[in-house]
C-alpha atoms as a PDB file:
ATOM      1  CA  MET A   1     -10.234  13.296 -23.474  1.00  0.00           C
ATOM      2  CA  ALA A   2      -8.204  15.093 -21.029  1.00  0.00           C
ATOM      3  CA  GLY A   3      -8.840  18.555 -22.222  1.00  0.00           C
ATOM      4  CA  GLN A   4      -7.099  21.765 -22.104  1.00  0.00           C
ATOM      5  CA  ALA A   5      -6.931  22.060 -18.336  1.00  0.00           C
ATOM      6  CA  PHE A   6      -4.504  19.211 -18.201  1.00  0.00           C
ATOM      7  CA  LYS A   7      -1.766  20.914 -20.242  1.00  0.00           C
ATOM      8  CA  ASN A   8      -0.541  22.461 -17.499  1.00  0.00           C
ATOM      9  CA  PHE A   9      -1.263  19.742 -14.626  1.00  0.00           C
ATOM     10  CA  LEU A  10       0.067  16.091 -14.810  1.00  0.00           C
ATOM     11  CA  PRO A  11      -0.309  13.830 -11.487  1.00  0.00           C
ATOM     12  CA  LEU A  12       3.233  12.733 -10.317  1.00  0.00           C
ATOM     13  CA  PHE A  13       4.318   9.225  -9.464  1.00  0.00           C
ATOM     14  CA  ASP A  14       1.391   6.817  -8.618  1.00  0.00           C
ATOM     15  CA  ARG A  15      -1.238   9.822  -8.407  1.00  0.00           C
ATOM     16  CA  VAL A  16      -4.490   9.686 -10.224  1.00  0.00           C
ATOM     17  CA  LEU A  17      -6.628  12.558 -11.283  1.00  0.00           C
ATOM     18  CA  ALA A  18     -10.302  11.454 -11.533  1.00  0.00           C
ATOM     19  CA  GLU A  19     -13.831  13.567 -12.166  1.00  0.00           C
ATOM     20  CA  LYS A  20     -16.432  12.279 -10.300  1.00  0.00           C
ATOM     21  CA  SER A  21     -19.926  11.262 -11.891  1.00  0.00           C
ATOM     22  CA  ALA A  22     -22.999  13.100 -11.258  1.00  0.00           C
ATOM     23  CA  ALA A  23     -25.148  11.963  -8.641  1.00  0.00           C
ATOM     24  CA  LYS A  24     -28.321  10.190  -9.973  1.00  0.00           C
ATOM     25  CA  THR A  25     -31.292  12.565  -9.453  1.00  0.00           C
ATOM     26  CA  VAL A  26     -33.647  10.561 -11.219  1.00  0.00           C
ATOM     27  CA  THR A  27     -34.792   6.897 -11.607  1.00  0.00           C
ATOM     28  CA  LYS A  28     -35.208   4.936 -14.627  1.00  0.00           C
ATOM     29  CA  GLU A  29     -39.013   5.573 -13.914  1.00  0.00           C
ATOM     30  CA  GLY A  30     -38.867   9.129 -13.524  1.00  0.00           C
ATOM     31  CA  ILE A  31     -39.029   9.443  -9.776  1.00  0.00           C
ATOM     32  CA  MET A  32     -36.901  12.258  -8.477  1.00  0.00           C
ATOM     33  CA  PHE A  33     -34.468  11.837  -5.076  1.00  0.00           C
ATOM     34  CA  PRO A  34     -34.751  14.253  -2.930  1.00  0.00           C
ATOM     35  CA  LYS A  35     -31.283  15.889  -2.296  1.00  0.00           C
ATOM     36  CA  GLN A  36     -31.119  14.626   1.443  1.00  0.00           C
ATOM     37  CA  SER A  37     -31.416  11.219   0.157  1.00  0.00           C
ATOM     38  CA  GLN A  38     -28.727  11.051  -2.423  1.00  0.00           C
ATOM     39  CA  GLY A  39     -25.757   9.284  -1.638  1.00  0.00           C
ATOM     40  CA  LYS A  40     -21.824  10.058  -1.944  1.00  0.00           C
ATOM     41  CA  VAL A  41     -20.733   9.850  -5.619  1.00  0.00           C
ATOM     42  CA  LEU A  42     -17.994   6.986  -5.637  1.00  0.00           C
ATOM     43  CA  GLN A  43     -17.678   6.480  -9.257  1.00  0.00           C
ATOM     44  CA  ALA A  44     -15.433   8.755 -11.560  1.00  0.00           C
ATOM     45  CA  THR A  45     -13.521   8.814 -14.783  1.00  0.00           C
ATOM     46  CA  VAL A  46      -9.908   9.001 -14.974  1.00  0.00           C
ATOM     47  CA  VAL A  47      -8.773  12.012 -16.747  1.00  0.00           C
ATOM     48  CA  ALA A  48      -4.930  11.665 -16.299  1.00  0.00           C
ATOM     49  CA  VAL A  49      -2.450   9.287 -14.731  1.00  0.00           C
ATOM     50  CA  GLY A  50       1.025   9.804 -13.069  1.00  0.00           C
ATOM     51  CA  SER A  51       4.149   7.860 -14.461  1.00  0.00           C
ATOM     52  CA  GLY A  52       3.918   5.211 -11.412  1.00  0.00           C
ATOM     53  CA  SER A  53       5.396   4.544  -8.381  1.00  0.00           C
ATOM     54  CA  LYS A  54       9.266   3.435  -7.857  1.00  0.00           C
ATOM     55  CA  GLU A  55      10.085   0.121  -6.601  1.00  0.00           C
ATOM     56  CA  LYS A  56      12.952  -1.077  -4.178  1.00  0.00           C
ATOM     57  CA  GLY A  57      14.759  -1.862  -7.291  1.00  0.00           C
ATOM     58  CA  GLY A  58      14.529   1.124  -8.970  1.00  0.00           C
ATOM     59  CA  GLU A  59      11.868   0.157 -11.526  1.00  0.00           C
ATOM     60  CA  ILE A  60       8.731   2.055 -12.431  1.00  0.00           C
ATOM     61  CA  GLN A  61       5.573   0.343 -11.580  1.00  0.00           C
ATOM     62  CA  PRO A  62       2.903   1.446 -13.771  1.00  0.00           C
ATOM     63  CA  ALA A  63      -0.447   2.579 -12.344  1.00  0.00           C
ATOM     64  CA  GLY A  64      -3.306   0.012 -12.790  1.00  0.00           C
ATOM     65  CA  VAL A  65      -5.607   2.294 -14.353  1.00  0.00           C
ATOM     66  CA  LYS A  66      -5.370   4.626 -17.483  1.00  0.00           C
ATOM     67  CA  VAL A  67      -7.008   7.496 -18.579  1.00  0.00           C
ATOM     68  CA  GLY A  68     -10.724   6.997 -19.481  1.00  0.00           C
ATOM     69  CA  ASP A  69     -11.428   4.158 -17.293  1.00  0.00           C
ATOM     70  CA  LYS A  70     -14.312   4.293 -14.985  1.00  0.00           C
ATOM     71  CA  VAL A  71     -13.409   3.532 -11.385  1.00  0.00           C
ATOM     72  CA  LEU A  72     -14.796   2.956  -7.874  1.00  0.00           C
ATOM     73  CA  LEU A  73     -13.306   5.496  -5.340  1.00  0.00           C
ATOM     74  CA  PRO A  74     -13.208   5.143  -1.452  1.00  0.00           C
ATOM     75  CA  GLU A  75     -16.070   6.853   0.384  1.00  0.00           C
ATOM     76  CA  TYR A  76     -13.381   9.162   2.171  1.00  0.00           C
ATOM     77  CA  GLY A  77     -10.134  10.757   0.881  1.00  0.00           C
ATOM     78  CA  GLY A  78      -8.526  12.194  -2.162  1.00  0.00           C
ATOM     79  CA  THR A  79      -7.373  15.934  -2.515  1.00  0.00           C
ATOM     80  CA  LYS A  80      -9.793  18.310  -4.268  1.00  0.00           C
ATOM     81  CA  VAL A  81      -8.257  19.805  -7.448  1.00  0.00           C
ATOM     82  CA  VAL A  82      -9.783  22.850  -9.425  1.00  0.00           C
ATOM     83  CA  LEU A  83      -8.943  23.662 -12.982  1.00  0.00           C
ATOM     84  CA  ASP A  84     -10.889  25.850 -15.340  1.00  0.00           C
ATOM     85  CA  ASP A  85     -13.635  25.730 -12.670  1.00  0.00           C
ATOM     86  CA  LYS A  86     -14.384  22.109 -12.443  1.00  0.00           C
ATOM     87  CA  ASP A  87     -13.556  19.914  -9.360  1.00  0.00           C
ATOM     88  CA  TYR A  88     -11.541  16.906  -9.673  1.00  0.00           C
ATOM     89  CA  PHE A  89      -9.999  14.737  -7.093  1.00  0.00           C
ATOM     90  CA  LEU A  90      -6.481  13.083  -6.897  1.00  0.00           C
ATOM     91  CA  PHE A  91      -6.014   9.887  -5.559  1.00  0.00           C
ATOM     92  CA  ARG A  92      -3.026   7.248  -5.026  1.00  0.00           C
ATOM     93  CA  ASP A  93      -3.371   4.537  -7.658  1.00  0.00           C
ATOM     94  CA  GLY A  94      -3.342   1.887  -4.462  1.00  0.00           C
ATOM     95  CA  ASP A  95      -6.614   3.930  -3.022  1.00  0.00           C
ATOM     96  CA  ILE A  96      -8.833   3.079  -6.349  1.00  0.00           C
ATOM     97  CA  LEU A  97     -10.846   0.305  -5.070  1.00  0.00           C
ATOM     98  CA  GLY A  98     -11.590  -1.042  -8.269  1.00  0.00           C
ATOM     99  CA  LYS A  99     -12.607  -0.374 -12.069  1.00  0.00           C
ATOM    100  CA  TYR A 100     -15.473  -1.126 -14.139  1.00  0.00           C
ATOM    101  CA  VAL A 101     -15.102  -3.258 -17.105  1.00  0.00           C
ATOM    102  CA  ASP A 102     -17.313  -2.809 -20.147  1.00  0.00           C
END
């Protein structure tokens, strides 16, 4: 799922690389939203995860998400990363607000 772009990029420590979902432009009934009324996209899919953060005792605490998880991101923050002409966002594991469960 990670694709070719991630062969040369791996987040470090507790960083998580996510691809934001496309904003909804049409309702179930077929009504189109004007661009001005579309909200910020806060849902994303995790595409790469770092090894985790180091505890005081030296143990590695793994990230709370894994590749393929659908997560809720904060409205602001993250670092934009462009790989193969596609936009991704890098967040700390602790900045992710939650994950969707199927």
